[in-house]
Amino acid sequence: FINDELSFKQPFKVKFTKNRDDDLKTYAYYNPK
């Protein structure tokens, strides 16, 4: 739904975790690289 609404130009991945790690200090994180 979000992909259809925003018409992204570049592919992306969404990863889910039930454990916080060094990358995830908050509830969610976007890595632009």
PDB file of all heavy atoms in Angstrom:
ATOM      1  N   PHE A   1       0.833  -1.204   0.000  1.00  0.00           N
ATOM      2  CA  PHE A   1       0.000   0.000   0.000  1.00  0.00           C
ATOM      3  C   PHE A   1       0.873   1.262   0.000  1.00  0.00           C
ATOM      4  O   PHE A   1       0.644   2.186  -0.783  1.00  0.00           O
ATOM      5  CB  PHE A   1      -0.933  -0.029   1.228  1.00  0.00           C
ATOM      6  CG  PHE A   1      -1.645   1.253   1.497  1.00  0.00           C
ATOM      7  CD1 PHE A   1      -2.798   1.591   0.802  1.00  0.00           C
ATOM      8  CD2 PHE A   1      -1.175   2.132   2.462  1.00  0.00           C
ATOM      9  CE1 PHE A   1      -3.458   2.784   1.058  1.00  0.00           C
ATOM     10  CE2 PHE A   1      -1.828   3.331   2.726  1.00  0.00           C
ATOM     11  CZ  PHE A   1      -2.973   3.654   2.017  1.00  0.00           C
ATOM     12  N   ILE A   2       1.866   1.300   0.875  1.00  0.00           N
ATOM     13  CA  ILE A   2       2.773   2.459   0.949  1.00  0.00           C
ATOM     14  C   ILE A   2       3.513   2.623  -0.375  1.00  0.00           C
ATOM     15  O   ILE A   2       3.657   3.732  -0.891  1.00  0.00           O
ATOM     16  CB  ILE A   2       3.790   2.305   2.108  1.00  0.00           C
ATOM     17  CG1 ILE A   2       3.084   2.280   3.450  1.00  0.00           C
ATOM     18  CG2 ILE A   2       4.843   3.413   2.076  1.00  0.00           C
ATOM     19  CD1 ILE A   2       2.442   3.573   3.857  1.00  0.00           C
ATOM     20  N   ASN A   3       3.981   1.518  -0.936  1.00  0.00           N
ATOM     21  CA  ASN A   3       4.692   1.564  -2.213  1.00  0.00           C
ATOM     22  C   ASN A   3       3.787   2.146  -3.309  1.00  0.00           C
ATOM     23  O   ASN A   3       4.227   2.970  -4.109  1.00  0.00           O
ATOM     24  CB  ASN A   3       5.171   0.165  -2.586  1.00  0.00           C
ATOM     25  CG  ASN A   3       6.144   0.180  -3.727  1.00  0.00           C
ATOM     26  OD1 ASN A   3       7.083   0.964  -3.758  1.00  0.00           O
ATOM     27  ND2 ASN A   3       5.925  -0.700  -4.689  1.00  0.00           N
ATOM     28  N   ASP A   4       2.527   1.722  -3.324  1.00  0.00           N
ATOM     29  CA  ASP A   4       1.582   2.235  -4.320  1.00  0.00           C
ATOM     30  C   ASP A   4       1.288   3.720  -4.100  1.00  0.00           C
ATOM     31  O   ASP A   4       1.175   4.487  -5.054  1.00  0.00           O
ATOM     32  CB  ASP A   4       0.281   1.443  -4.282  1.00  0.00           C
ATOM     33  CG  ASP A   4       0.442   0.009  -4.766  1.00  0.00           C
ATOM     34  OD1 ASP A   4       1.483  -0.313  -5.389  1.00  0.00           O
ATOM     35  OD2 ASP A   4      -0.472  -0.802  -4.501  1.00  0.00           O
ATOM     36  N   GLU A   5       1.171   4.127  -2.838  1.00  0.00           N
ATOM     37  CA  GLU A   5       0.857   5.517  -2.514  1.00  0.00           C
ATOM     38  C   GLU A   5       2.007   6.466  -2.860  1.00  0.00           C
ATOM     39  O   GLU A   5       1.776   7.581  -3.313  1.00  0.00           O
ATOM     40  CB  GLU A   5       0.523   5.655  -1.024  1.00  0.00           C
ATOM     41  CG  GLU A   5      -0.811   5.079  -0.626  1.00  0.00           C
ATOM     42  CD  GLU A   5      -1.987   5.896  -1.136  1.00  0.00           C
ATOM     43  OE1 GLU A   5      -1.974   7.128  -0.977  1.00  0.00           O
ATOM     44  OE2 GLU A   5      -2.918   5.290  -1.703  1.00  0.00           O
ATOM     45  N   LEU A   6       3.227   6.047  -2.605  1.00  0.00           N
ATOM     46  CA  LEU A   6       4.375   6.942  -2.752  1.00  0.00           C
ATOM     47  C   LEU A   6       5.157   6.742  -4.049  1.00  0.00           C
ATOM     48  O   LEU A   6       6.007   7.566  -4.377  1.00  0.00           O
ATOM     49  CB  LEU A   6       5.311   6.797  -1.551  1.00  0.00           C
ATOM     50  CG  LEU A   6       4.697   7.164  -0.208  1.00  0.00           C
ATOM     51  CD1 LEU A   6       5.695   6.947   0.915  1.00  0.00           C
ATOM     52  CD2 LEU A   6       4.188   8.597  -0.203  1.00  0.00           C
ATOM     53  N   SER A   7       4.894   5.671  -4.768  1.00  0.00           N
ATOM     54  CA  SER A   7       5.558   5.404  -6.058  1.00  0.00           C
ATOM     55  C   SER A   7       7.079   5.561  -5.957  1.00  0.00           C
ATOM     56  O   SER A   7       7.671   6.453  -6.568  1.00  0.00           O
ATOM     57  CB  SER A   7       5.012   6.326  -7.151  1.00  0.00           C
ATOM     58  OG  SER A   7       3.625   6.165  -7.297  1.00  0.00           O
ATOM     59  N   PHE A   8       7.691   4.701  -5.174  1.00  0.00           N
ATOM     60  CA  PHE A   8       9.142   4.753  -5.004  1.00  0.00           C
ATOM     61  C   PHE A   8       9.867   4.525  -6.312  1.00  0.00           C
ATOM     62  O   PHE A   8       9.413   3.757  -7.162  1.00  0.00           O
ATOM     63  CB  PHE A   8       9.596   3.694  -3.985  1.00  0.00           C
ATOM     64  CG  PHE A   8       9.077   3.944  -2.602  1.00  0.00           C
ATOM     65  CD1 PHE A   8       8.124   3.118  -2.052  1.00  0.00           C
ATOM     66  CD2 PHE A   8       9.545   5.013  -1.856  1.00  0.00           C
ATOM     67  CE1 PHE A   8       7.644   3.336  -0.765  1.00  0.00           C
ATOM     68  CE2 PHE A   8       9.072   5.249  -0.578  1.00  0.00           C
ATOM     69  CZ  PHE A   8       8.116   4.407  -0.028  1.00  0.00           C
ATOM     70  N   LYS A   9      11.002   5.170  -6.452  1.00  0.00           N
ATOM     71  CA  LYS A   9      11.844   5.014  -7.638  1.00  0.00           C
ATOM     72  C   LYS A   9      12.858   3.895  -7.441  1.00  0.00           C
ATOM     73  O   LYS A   9      13.262   3.249  -8.390  1.00  0.00           O
ATOM     74  CB  LYS A   9      12.586   6.322  -7.921  1.00  0.00           C
ATOM     75  CG  LYS A   9      11.689   7.506  -8.168  1.00  0.00           C
ATOM     76  CD  LYS A   9      12.492   8.799  -8.183  1.00  0.00           C
ATOM     77  CE  LYS A   9      11.584   9.986  -8.031  1.00  0.00           C
ATOM     78  NZ  LYS A   9      12.288  11.178  -7.615  1.00  0.00           N
ATOM     79  N   GLN A  10      13.307   3.717  -6.210  1.00  0.00           N
ATOM     80  CA  GLN A  10      14.347   2.730  -5.899  1.00  0.00           C
ATOM     81  C   GLN A  10      13.771   1.623  -5.024  1.00  0.00           C
ATOM     82  O   GLN A  10      12.913   1.886  -4.177  1.00  0.00           O
ATOM     83  CB  GLN A  10      15.490   3.400  -5.145  1.00  0.00           C
ATOM     84  CG  GLN A  10      16.153   4.514  -5.886  1.00  0.00           C
ATOM     85  CD  GLN A  10      17.154   5.252  -4.988  1.00  0.00           C
ATOM     86  OE1 GLN A  10      17.619   4.729  -3.996  1.00  0.00           O
ATOM     87  NE2 GLN A  10      17.477   6.474  -5.356  1.00  0.00           N
ATOM     88  N   PRO A  11      14.255   0.408  -5.197  1.00  0.00           N
ATOM     89  CA  PRO A  11      13.787  -0.676  -4.328  1.00  0.00           C
ATOM     90  C   PRO A  11      14.270  -0.464  -2.890  1.00  0.00           C
ATOM     91  O   PRO A  11      15.239   0.256  -2.647  1.00  0.00           O
ATOM     92  CB  PRO A  11      14.424  -1.929  -4.934  1.00  0.00           C
ATOM     93  CG  PRO A  11      15.568  -1.439  -5.747  1.00  0.00           C
ATOM     94  CD  PRO A  11      15.242  -0.041  -6.165  1.00  0.00           C
ATOM     95  N   PHE A  12      13.583  -1.077  -1.976  1.00  0.00           N
ATOM     96  CA  PHE A  12      13.931  -0.990  -0.559  1.00  0.00           C
ATOM     97  C   PHE A  12      13.614  -2.326   0.100  1.00  0.00           C
ATOM     98  O   PHE A  12      12.888  -3.146  -0.458  1.00  0.00           O
ATOM     99  CB  PHE A  12      13.143   0.135   0.135  1.00  0.00           C
ATOM    100  CG  PHE A  12      11.652  -0.050   0.059  1.00  0.00           C
ATOM    101  CD1 PHE A  12      10.974  -0.787   1.021  1.00  0.00           C
ATOM    102  CD2 PHE A  12      10.931   0.496  -0.984  1.00  0.00           C
ATOM    103  CE1 PHE A  12       9.600  -0.982   0.944  1.00  0.00           C
ATOM    104  CE2 PHE A  12       9.562   0.314  -1.082  1.00  0.00           C
ATOM    105  CZ  PHE A  12       8.899  -0.423  -0.114  1.00  0.00           C
ATOM    106  N   LYS A  13      14.153  -2.518   1.277  1.00  0.00           N
ATOM    107  CA  LYS A  13      13.862  -3.712   2.071  1.00  0.00           C
ATOM    108  C   LYS A  13      13.383  -3.266   3.435  1.00  0.00           C
ATOM    109  O   LYS A  13      13.863  -2.271   3.979  1.00  0.00           O
ATOM    110  CB  LYS A  13      15.103  -4.585   2.237  1.00  0.00           C
ATOM    111  CG  LYS A  13      15.536  -5.276   0.983  1.00  0.00           C
ATOM    112  CD  LYS A  13      16.716  -6.184   1.262  1.00  0.00           C
ATOM    113  CE  LYS A  13      17.139  -6.832  -0.047  1.00  0.00           C
ATOM    114  NZ  LYS A  13      18.277  -7.719   0.127  1.00  0.00           N
ATOM    115  N   VAL A  14      12.436  -4.023   3.989  1.00  0.00           N
ATOM    116  CA  VAL A  14      11.982  -3.793   5.350  1.00  0.00           C
ATOM    117  C   VAL A  14      12.289  -5.056   6.136  1.00  0.00           C
ATOM    118  O   VAL A  14      11.886  -6.149   5.746  1.00  0.00           O
ATOM    119  CB  VAL A  14      10.477  -3.475   5.416  1.00  0.00           C
ATOM    120  CG1 VAL A  14      10.038  -3.258   6.861  1.00  0.00           C
ATOM    121  CG2 VAL A  14      10.137  -2.254   4.563  1.00  0.00           C
ATOM    122  N   LYS A  15      13.047  -4.895   7.204  1.00  0.00           N
ATOM    123  CA  LYS A  15      13.427  -6.019   8.061  1.00  0.00           C
ATOM    124  C   LYS A  15      12.756  -5.839   9.414  1.00  0.00           C
ATOM    125  O   LYS A  15      12.673  -4.723   9.931  1.00  0.00           O
ATOM    126  CB  LYS A  15      14.940  -6.062   8.246  1.00  0.00           C
ATOM    127  CG  LYS A  15      15.706  -6.247   6.957  1.00  0.00           C
ATOM    128  CD  LYS A  15      17.203  -6.181   7.210  1.00  0.00           C
ATOM    129  CE  LYS A  15      17.972  -6.313   5.908  1.00  0.00           C
ATOM    130  NZ  LYS A  15      19.421  -6.228   6.140  1.00  0.00           N
ATOM    131  N   PHE A  16      12.309  -6.938   9.986  1.00  0.00           N
ATOM    132  CA  PHE A  16      11.642  -6.904  11.286  1.00  0.00           C
ATOM    133  C   PHE A  16      12.472  -7.672  12.305  1.00  0.00           C
ATOM    134  O   PHE A  16      13.062  -8.704  11.993  1.00  0.00           O
ATOM    135  CB  PHE A  16      10.252  -7.534  11.181  1.00  0.00           C
ATOM    136  CG  PHE A  16       9.364  -6.772  10.258  1.00  0.00           C
ATOM    137  CD1 PHE A  16       9.234  -7.138   8.927  1.00  0.00           C
ATOM    138  CD2 PHE A  16       8.671  -5.663  10.709  1.00  0.00           C
ATOM    139  CE1 PHE A  16       8.429  -6.430   8.064  1.00  0.00           C
ATOM    140  CE2 PHE A  16       7.869  -4.938   9.851  1.00  0.00           C
ATOM    141  CZ  PHE A  16       7.741  -5.323   8.528  1.00  0.00           C
ATOM    142  N   THR A  17      12.493  -7.140  13.531  1.00  0.00           N
ATOM    143  CA  THR A  17      13.235  -7.804  14.595  1.00  0.00           C
ATOM    144  C   THR A  17      12.459  -7.697  15.900  1.00  0.00           C
ATOM    145  O   THR A  17      11.789  -6.693  16.150  1.00  0.00           O
ATOM    146  CB  THR A  17      14.651  -7.215  14.756  1.00  0.00           C
ATOM    147  OG1 THR A  17      15.332  -7.920  15.786  1.00  0.00           O
ATOM    148  CG2 THR A  17      14.621  -5.741  15.083  1.00  0.00           C
ATOM    149  N   LYS A  18      12.554  -8.736  16.704  1.00  0.00           N
ATOM    150  CA  LYS A  18      11.953  -8.655  18.037  1.00  0.00           C
ATOM    151  C   LYS A  18      13.019  -8.367  19.087  1.00  0.00           C
ATOM    152  O   LYS A  18      12.728  -8.263  20.267  1.00  0.00           O
ATOM    153  CB  LYS A  18      11.166  -9.916  18.376  1.00  0.00           C
ATOM    154  CG  LYS A  18      11.947 -11.188  18.391  1.00  0.00           C
ATOM    155  CD  LYS A  18      11.024 -12.354  18.694  1.00  0.00           C
ATOM    156  CE  LYS A  18      11.818 -13.640  18.691  1.00  0.00           C
ATOM    157  NZ  LYS A  18      10.996 -14.776  19.005  1.00  0.00           N
ATOM    158  N   ASN A  19      14.257  -8.235  18.642  1.00  0.00           N
ATOM    159  CA  ASN A  19      15.371  -7.910  19.539  1.00  0.00           C
ATOM    160  C   ASN A  19      16.065  -6.651  19.054  1.00  0.00           C
ATOM    161  O   ASN A  19      16.399  -6.538  17.884  1.00  0.00           O
ATOM    162  CB  ASN A  19      16.392  -9.051  19.571  1.00  0.00           C
ATOM    163  CG  ASN A  19      15.783 -10.342  20.047  1.00  0.00           C
ATOM    164  OD1 ASN A  19      15.144 -10.390  21.091  1.00  0.00           O
ATOM    165  ND2 ASN A  19      15.954 -11.399  19.262  1.00  0.00           N
ATOM    166  N   ARG A  20      16.298  -5.737  19.953  1.00  0.00           N
ATOM    167  CA  ARG A  20      17.031  -4.525  19.584  1.00  0.00           C
ATOM    168  C   ARG A  20      18.511  -4.848  19.519  1.00  0.00           C
ATOM    169  O   ARG A  20      19.019  -5.674  20.266  1.00  0.00           O
ATOM    170  CB  ARG A  20      16.794  -3.426  20.614  1.00  0.00           C
ATOM    171  CG  ARG A  20      15.373  -2.941  20.585  1.00  0.00           C
ATOM    172  CD  ARG A  20      15.252  -1.676  21.340  1.00  0.00           C
ATOM    173  NE  ARG A  20      13.862  -1.337  21.484  1.00  0.00           N
ATOM    174  CZ  ARG A  20      13.445  -0.125  21.726  1.00  0.00           C
ATOM    175  NH1 ARG A  20      14.301   0.850  21.867  1.00  0.00           N
ATOM    176  NH2 ARG A  20      12.170   0.123  21.856  1.00  0.00           N
ATOM    177  N   ASP A  21      19.205  -4.186  18.601  1.00  0.00           N
ATOM    178  CA  ASP A  21      20.646  -4.382  18.472  1.00  0.00           C
ATOM    179  C   ASP A  21      21.323  -3.023  18.338  1.00  0.00           C
ATOM    180  O   ASP A  21      20.692  -1.994  18.535  1.00  0.00           O
ATOM    181  CB  ASP A  21      20.976  -5.302  17.295  1.00  0.00           C
ATOM    182  CG  ASP A  21      20.434  -4.781  15.969  1.00  0.00           C
ATOM    183  OD1 ASP A  21      20.253  -3.557  15.823  1.00  0.00           O
ATOM    184  OD2 ASP A  21      20.209  -5.599  15.070  1.00  0.00           O
ATOM    185  N   ASP A  22      22.583  -3.016  18.005  1.00  0.00           N
ATOM    186  CA  ASP A  22      23.333  -1.764  17.929  1.00  0.00           C
ATOM    187  C   ASP A  22      22.789  -0.793  16.883  1.00  0.00           C
ATOM    188  O   ASP A  22      22.890   0.422  17.037  1.00  0.00           O
ATOM    189  CB  ASP A  22      24.812  -2.046  17.634  1.00  0.00           C
ATOM    190  CG  ASP A  22      25.497  -2.726  18.801  1.00  0.00           C
ATOM    191  OD1 ASP A  22      24.998  -2.608  19.937  1.00  0.00           O
ATOM    192  OD2 ASP A  22      26.529  -3.374  18.573  1.00  0.00           O
ATOM    193  N   ASP A  23      22.201  -1.319  15.792  1.00  0.00           N
ATOM    194  CA  ASP A  23      21.651  -0.460  14.744  1.00  0.00           C
ATOM    195  C   ASP A  23      20.334   0.193  15.165  1.00  0.00           C
ATOM    196  O   ASP A  23      19.942   1.214  14.625  1.00  0.00           O
ATOM    197  CB  ASP A  23      21.363  -1.266  13.481  1.00  0.00           C
ATOM    198  CG  ASP A  23      22.616  -1.681  12.748  1.00  0.00           C
ATOM    199  OD1 ASP A  23      23.683  -1.126  13.055  1.00  0.00           O
ATOM    200  OD2 ASP A  23      22.527  -2.556  11.878  1.00  0.00           O
ATOM    201  N   LEU A  24      19.637  -0.441  16.088  1.00  0.00           N
ATOM    202  CA  LEU A  24      18.274  -0.041  16.386  1.00  0.00           C
ATOM    203  C   LEU A  24      18.149   0.488  17.807  1.00  0.00           C
ATOM    204  O   LEU A  24      17.879  -0.234  18.738  1.00  0.00           O
ATOM    205  CB  LEU A  24      17.344  -1.247  16.178  1.00  0.00           C
ATOM    206  CG  LEU A  24      15.862  -0.975  16.045  1.00  0.00           C
ATOM    207  CD1 LEU A  24      15.587  -0.053  14.864  1.00  0.00           C
ATOM    208  CD2 LEU A  24      15.115  -2.277  15.838  1.00  0.00           C
ATOM    209  N   LYS A  25      18.377   1.777  17.949  1.00  0.00           N
ATOM    210  CA  LYS A  25      18.281   2.431  19.261  1.00  0.00           C
ATOM    211  C   LYS A  25      16.848   2.872  19.551  1.00  0.00           C
ATOM    212  O   LYS A  25      16.484   3.110  20.679  1.00  0.00           O
ATOM    213  CB  LYS A  25      19.191   3.650  19.313  1.00  0.00           C
ATOM    214  CG  LYS A  25      20.630   3.350  18.971  1.00  0.00           C
ATOM    215  CD  LYS A  25      21.374   2.822  20.164  1.00  0.00           C
ATOM    216  CE  LYS A  25      22.847   2.727  19.817  1.00  0.00           C
ATOM    217  NZ  LYS A  25      23.464   1.529  20.246  1.00  0.00           N
ATOM    218  N   THR A  26      16.038   3.027  18.510  1.00  0.00           N
ATOM    219  CA  THR A  26      14.644   3.431  18.656  1.00  0.00           C
ATOM    220  C   THR A  26      13.763   2.298  18.149  1.00  0.00           C
ATOM    221  O   THR A  26      14.210   1.167  18.016  1.00  0.00           O
ATOM    222  CB  THR A  26      14.379   4.725  17.866  1.00  0.00           C
ATOM    223  OG1 THR A  26      14.590   4.472  16.476  1.00  0.00           O
ATOM    224  CG2 THR A  26      15.287   5.855  18.313  1.00  0.00           C
ATOM    225  N   TYR A  27      12.524   2.597  17.812  1.00  0.00           N
ATOM    226  CA  TYR A  27      11.615   1.557  17.340  1.00  0.00           C
ATOM    227  C   TYR A  27      11.793   1.227  15.863  1.00  0.00           C
ATOM    228  O   TYR A  27      11.373   0.179  15.406  1.00  0.00           O
ATOM    229  CB  TYR A  27      10.166   1.966  17.598  1.00  0.00           C
ATOM    230  CG  TYR A  27       9.819   1.902  19.064  1.00  0.00           C
ATOM    231  CD1 TYR A  27       9.656   3.057  19.811  1.00  0.00           C
ATOM    232  CD2 TYR A  27       9.673   0.678  19.703  1.00  0.00           C
ATOM    233  CE1 TYR A  27       9.344   2.996  21.156  1.00  0.00           C
ATOM    234  CE2 TYR A  27       9.369   0.606  21.045  1.00  0.00           C
ATOM    235  CZ  TYR A  27       9.205   1.768  21.770  1.00  0.00           C
ATOM    236  OH  TYR A  27       8.900   1.703  23.096  1.00  0.00           O
ATOM    237  N   ALA A  28      12.402   2.124  15.120  1.00  0.00           N
ATOM    238  CA  ALA A  28      12.621   1.874  13.695  1.00  0.00           C
ATOM    239  C   ALA A  28      13.768   2.754  13.207  1.00  0.00           C
ATOM    240  O   ALA A  28      14.096   3.775  13.811  1.00  0.00           O
ATOM    241  CB  ALA A  28      11.355   2.170  12.905  1.00  0.00           C
ATOM    242  N   TYR A  29      14.355   2.334  12.081  1.00  0.00           N
ATOM    243  CA  TYR A  29      15.547   3.004  11.568  1.00  0.00           C
ATOM    244  C   TYR A  29      15.580   2.862  10.062  1.00  0.00           C
ATOM    245  O   TYR A  29      15.295   1.797   9.520  1.00  0.00           O
ATOM    246  CB  TYR A  29      16.768   2.339  12.196  1.00  0.00           C
ATOM    247  CG  TYR A  29      18.088   2.768  11.597  1.00  0.00           C
ATOM    248  CD1 TYR A  29      18.689   3.969  11.958  1.00  0.00           C
ATOM    249  CD2 TYR A  29      18.745   1.964  10.668  1.00  0.00           C
ATOM    250  CE1 TYR A  29      19.900   4.354  11.421  1.00  0.00           C
ATOM    251  CE2 TYR A  29      19.961   2.352  10.124  1.00  0.00           C
ATOM    252  CZ  TYR A  29      20.531   3.544  10.495  1.00  0.00           C
ATOM    253  OH  TYR A  29      21.724   3.928   9.946  1.00  0.00           O
ATOM    254  N   TYR A  30      15.933   3.947   9.377  1.00  0.00           N
ATOM    255  CA  TYR A  30      16.135   3.912   7.928  1.00  0.00           C
ATOM    256  C   TYR A  30      17.608   4.094   7.635  1.00  0.00           C
ATOM    257  O   TYR A  30      18.232   5.048   8.098  1.00  0.00           O
ATOM    258  CB  TYR A  30      15.331   5.026   7.237  1.00  0.00           C
ATOM    259  CG  TYR A  30      15.652   5.177   5.772  1.00  0.00           C
ATOM    260  CD1 TYR A  30      15.417   4.135   4.881  1.00  0.00           C
ATOM    261  CD2 TYR A  30      16.208   6.346   5.278  1.00  0.00           C
ATOM    262  CE1 TYR A  30      15.728   4.266   3.541  1.00  0.00           C
ATOM    263  CE2 TYR A  30      16.510   6.494   3.938  1.00  0.00           C
ATOM    264  CZ  TYR A  30      16.269   5.454   3.069  1.00  0.00           C
ATOM    265  OH  TYR A  30      16.574   5.581   1.747  1.00  0.00           O
ATOM    266  N   ASN A  31      18.171   3.182   6.857  1.00  0.00           N
ATOM    267  CA  ASN A  31      19.563   3.268   6.429  1.00  0.00           C
ATOM    268  C   ASN A  31      19.571   3.724   4.970  1.00  0.00           C
ATOM    269  O   ASN A  31      19.287   2.927   4.069  1.00  0.00           O
ATOM    270  CB  ASN A  31      20.248   1.911   6.573  1.00  0.00           C
ATOM    271  CG  ASN A  31      21.700   1.946   6.166  1.00  0.00           C
ATOM    272  OD1 ASN A  31      22.110   2.766   5.353  1.00  0.00           O
ATOM    273  ND2 ASN A  31      22.479   1.038   6.712  1.00  0.00           N
ATOM    274  N   PRO A  32      19.877   4.997   4.708  1.00  0.00           N
ATOM    275  CA  PRO A  32      19.814   5.510   3.341  1.00  0.00           C
ATOM    276  C   PRO A  32      20.864   4.917   2.401  1.00  0.00           C
ATOM    277  O   PRO A  32      20.660   4.886   1.193  1.00  0.00           O
ATOM    278  CB  PRO A  32      20.021   7.016   3.510  1.00  0.00           C
ATOM    279  CG  PRO A  32      20.652   7.196   4.835  1.00  0.00           C
ATOM    280  CD  PRO A  32      20.249   6.023   5.684  1.00  0.00           C
ATOM    281  N   LYS A  33      21.969   4.435   2.937  1.00  0.00           N
ATOM    282  CA  LYS A  33      23.004   3.851   2.081  1.00  0.00           C
ATOM    283  C   LYS A  33      22.567   2.510   1.505  1.00  0.00           C
ATOM    284  O   LYS A  33      22.956   2.140   0.401  1.00  0.00           O
ATOM    285  CB  LYS A  33      24.309   3.693   2.863  1.00  0.00           C
ATOM    286  CG  LYS A  33      24.926   5.017   3.234  1.00  0.00           C
ATOM    287  CD  LYS A  33      26.168   4.848   4.059  1.00  0.00           C
ATOM    288  CE  LYS A  33      26.674   6.227   4.453  1.00  0.00           C
ATOM    289  NZ  LYS A  33      27.583   6.215   5.553  1.00  0.00           N
TER     290      LYS A  33
END
